[in-house]
Amino acid sequence: MPELPEVETIVRSLDQQISGLRITEVKVITPVIIFTPEVEIFKERLRGREITGVSRRGKFILIA
């Protein structure tokens, strides 16, 4: 498990590299974690969306 300073470093790096890009493909490796909407609808809603930023909540990395 990475430590918090490492997570922050990754977040800053990702924010610079992927902010402004569009999502072209979505792969759901563990479909049981997607409760709602259905997996195919979830994937379709994400495709084509622009990444507006990367942040963190504790050790979780959030991509908006």
N, C-alpha and C. Protein backbone atom coordinates (compact mmCIF):
# COMPACT_ATOMS: atom_id res chain seq x y z
N MET A 1 0.85 -1.17 0.00
CA MET A 1 0.00 0.00 0.00
C MET A 1 0.90 1.24 0.00
N PRO A 2 0.67 2.15 -0.94
CA PRO A 2 1.50 3.36 -0.98
C PRO A 2 1.21 4.27 0.21
N GLU A 3 2.21 5.02 0.58
CA GLU A 3 2.05 6.00 1.65
C GLU A 3 1.46 7.28 1.06
N LEU A 4 0.89 8.12 1.91
CA LEU A 4 0.20 9.32 1.47
C LEU A 4 1.06 10.26 0.61
N PRO A 5 2.33 10.52 0.97
CA PRO A 5 3.13 11.39 0.09
C PRO A 5 3.31 10.83 -1.32
N GLU A 6 3.40 9.49 -1.42
CA GLU A 6 3.52 8.88 -2.75
C GLU A 6 2.24 9.06 -3.55
N VAL A 7 1.11 8.93 -2.88
CA VAL A 7 -0.18 9.12 -3.55
C VAL A 7 -0.30 10.55 -4.05
N GLU A 8 0.09 11.50 -3.25
CA GLU A 8 0.03 12.92 -3.66
C GLU A 8 0.92 13.17 -4.87
N THR A 9 2.09 12.57 -4.90
CA THR A 9 3.00 12.72 -6.04
C THR A 9 2.36 12.15 -7.31
N ILE A 10 1.73 11.01 -7.19
CA ILE A 10 1.06 10.39 -8.34
C ILE A 10 -0.10 11.26 -8.82
N VAL A 11 -0.88 11.80 -7.88
CA VAL A 11 -2.01 12.66 -8.23
C VAL A 11 -1.54 13.88 -9.00
N ARG A 12 -0.50 14.52 -8.53
CA ARG A 12 0.00 15.73 -9.22
C ARG A 12 0.51 15.39 -10.61
N SER A 13 1.20 14.28 -10.74
CA SER A 13 1.72 13.86 -12.04
C SER A 13 0.59 13.52 -13.00
N LEU A 14 -0.38 12.74 -12.53
CA LEU A 14 -1.52 12.39 -13.38
C LEU A 14 -2.32 13.62 -13.80
N ASP A 15 -2.50 14.56 -12.87
CA ASP A 15 -3.27 15.76 -13.18
C ASP A 15 -2.64 16.51 -14.35
N GLN A 16 -1.32 16.62 -14.35
CA GLN A 16 -0.62 17.31 -15.44
C GLN A 16 -0.71 16.54 -16.75
N GLN A 17 -0.68 15.22 -16.65
CA GLN A 17 -0.62 14.39 -17.86
C GLN A 17 -1.97 14.13 -18.51
N ILE A 18 -3.04 14.00 -17.73
CA ILE A 18 -4.30 13.57 -18.34
C ILE A 18 -5.44 14.58 -18.30
N SER A 19 -5.29 15.67 -17.56
CA SER A 19 -6.35 16.69 -17.55
C SER A 19 -6.55 17.24 -18.94
N GLY A 20 -7.79 17.32 -19.36
CA GLY A 20 -8.12 17.84 -20.69
C GLY A 20 -8.27 16.75 -21.74
N LEU A 21 -7.85 15.53 -21.43
CA LEU A 21 -7.99 14.43 -22.39
C LEU A 21 -9.39 13.85 -22.33
N ARG A 22 -9.77 13.13 -23.38
CA ARG A 22 -11.07 12.48 -23.44
C ARG A 22 -10.92 10.98 -23.22
N ILE A 23 -11.91 10.39 -22.60
CA ILE A 23 -11.93 8.94 -22.36
C ILE A 23 -12.40 8.27 -23.64
N THR A 24 -11.57 7.38 -24.18
CA THR A 24 -11.91 6.71 -25.44
C THR A 24 -12.37 5.27 -25.23
N GLU A 25 -11.96 4.66 -24.12
CA GLU A 25 -12.34 3.27 -23.86
C GLU A 25 -12.45 3.04 -22.37
N VAL A 26 -13.41 2.23 -21.97
CA VAL A 26 -13.61 1.91 -20.56
C VAL A 26 -13.61 0.40 -20.42
N LYS A 27 -12.75 -0.12 -19.54
CA LYS A 27 -12.72 -1.55 -19.24
C LYS A 27 -13.10 -1.73 -17.78
N VAL A 28 -14.09 -2.54 -17.53
CA VAL A 28 -14.51 -2.85 -16.16
C VAL A 28 -13.99 -4.25 -15.85
N ILE A 29 -12.99 -4.33 -15.00
CA ILE A 29 -12.35 -5.60 -14.70
C ILE A 29 -13.17 -6.40 -13.68
N THR A 30 -13.78 -5.71 -12.73
CA THR A 30 -14.59 -6.37 -11.70
C THR A 30 -16.01 -5.78 -11.74
N PRO A 31 -16.87 -6.32 -12.59
CA PRO A 31 -18.20 -5.74 -12.78
C PRO A 31 -19.08 -5.71 -11.52
N VAL A 32 -18.82 -6.58 -10.55
CA VAL A 32 -19.68 -6.61 -9.36
C VAL A 32 -19.58 -5.34 -8.52
N ILE A 33 -18.53 -4.52 -8.73
CA ILE A 33 -18.41 -3.28 -7.95
C ILE A 33 -19.26 -2.15 -8.52
N ILE A 34 -19.79 -2.34 -9.74
CA ILE A 34 -20.69 -1.35 -10.35
C ILE A 34 -22.12 -1.76 -10.01
N PHE A 35 -22.70 -1.09 -9.04
CA PHE A 35 -24.06 -1.44 -8.60
C PHE A 35 -25.10 -0.85 -9.53
N THR A 36 -24.97 0.43 -9.80
CA THR A 36 -25.92 1.11 -10.67
C THR A 36 -25.20 2.26 -11.37
N PRO A 37 -25.42 2.53 -12.61
CA PRO A 37 -26.26 1.80 -13.55
C PRO A 37 -25.61 0.48 -13.96
N GLU A 38 -26.25 -0.24 -14.86
CA GLU A 38 -25.67 -1.48 -15.36
C GLU A 38 -24.31 -1.19 -15.98
N VAL A 39 -23.45 -2.19 -16.03
CA VAL A 39 -22.07 -2.00 -16.47
C VAL A 39 -21.99 -1.38 -17.86
N GLU A 40 -22.77 -1.85 -18.80
CA GLU A 40 -22.72 -1.31 -20.16
C GLU A 40 -23.15 0.15 -20.21
N ILE A 41 -24.16 0.50 -19.45
CA ILE A 41 -24.60 1.90 -19.38
C ILE A 41 -23.52 2.76 -18.74
N PHE A 42 -22.90 2.26 -17.68
CA PHE A 42 -21.80 2.96 -17.00
C PHE A 42 -20.67 3.25 -17.99
N LYS A 43 -20.26 2.25 -18.75
CA LYS A 43 -19.18 2.41 -19.73
C LYS A 43 -19.56 3.43 -20.80
N GLU A 44 -20.78 3.35 -21.28
CA GLU A 44 -21.23 4.27 -22.33
C GLU A 44 -21.26 5.71 -21.83
N ARG A 45 -21.67 5.92 -20.59
CA ARG A 45 -21.72 7.28 -20.03
C ARG A 45 -20.33 7.89 -19.88
N LEU A 46 -19.32 7.06 -19.65
CA LEU A 46 -17.96 7.58 -19.49
C LEU A 46 -17.27 7.86 -20.82
N ARG A 47 -17.56 7.04 -21.84
CA ARG A 47 -16.91 7.21 -23.13
C ARG A 47 -17.16 8.61 -23.70
N GLY A 48 -16.08 9.25 -24.11
CA GLY A 48 -16.18 10.58 -24.71
C GLY A 48 -16.14 11.73 -23.73
N ARG A 49 -16.18 11.44 -22.43
CA ARG A 49 -16.14 12.50 -21.42
C ARG A 49 -14.73 13.06 -21.29
N GLU A 50 -14.63 14.35 -20.94
CA GLU A 50 -13.34 14.99 -20.74
C GLU A 50 -12.91 14.87 -19.28
N ILE A 51 -11.64 14.58 -19.07
CA ILE A 51 -11.08 14.53 -17.72
C ILE A 51 -10.77 15.96 -17.31
N THR A 52 -11.41 16.43 -16.26
CA THR A 52 -11.25 17.82 -15.84
C THR A 52 -10.23 18.00 -14.73
N GLY A 53 -9.86 16.92 -14.07
CA GLY A 53 -8.86 17.04 -13.02
C GLY A 53 -8.68 15.74 -12.26
N VAL A 54 -7.59 15.68 -11.50
CA VAL A 54 -7.28 14.53 -10.67
C VAL A 54 -7.05 15.04 -9.25
N SER A 55 -7.65 14.36 -8.29
CA SER A 55 -7.47 14.74 -6.89
C SER A 55 -7.42 13.47 -6.06
N ARG A 56 -7.37 13.62 -4.76
CA ARG A 56 -7.36 12.44 -3.91
C ARG A 56 -8.25 12.66 -2.70
N ARG A 57 -8.69 11.56 -2.15
CA ARG A 57 -9.45 11.56 -0.89
C ARG A 57 -8.79 10.48 -0.05
N GLY A 58 -7.92 10.91 0.86
CA GLY A 58 -7.09 9.96 1.58
C GLY A 58 -6.13 9.33 0.60
N LYS A 59 -6.14 8.01 0.53
CA LYS A 59 -5.26 7.31 -0.41
C LYS A 59 -5.97 6.92 -1.70
N PHE A 60 -7.22 7.36 -1.87
CA PHE A 60 -7.95 7.07 -3.09
C PHE A 60 -7.71 8.17 -4.12
N ILE A 61 -7.44 7.80 -5.34
CA ILE A 61 -7.23 8.77 -6.42
C ILE A 61 -8.56 8.96 -7.15
N LEU A 62 -8.99 10.21 -7.27
CA LEU A 62 -10.26 10.55 -7.91
C LEU A 62 -9.99 11.25 -9.23
N ILE A 63 -10.59 10.74 -10.29
CA ILE A 63 -10.44 11.35 -11.62
C ILE A 63 -11.81 11.90 -12.00
N ALA A 64 -11.86 13.21 -12.21
CA ALA A 64 -13.13 13.88 -12.52
C ALA A 64 -13.15 14.31 -13.97
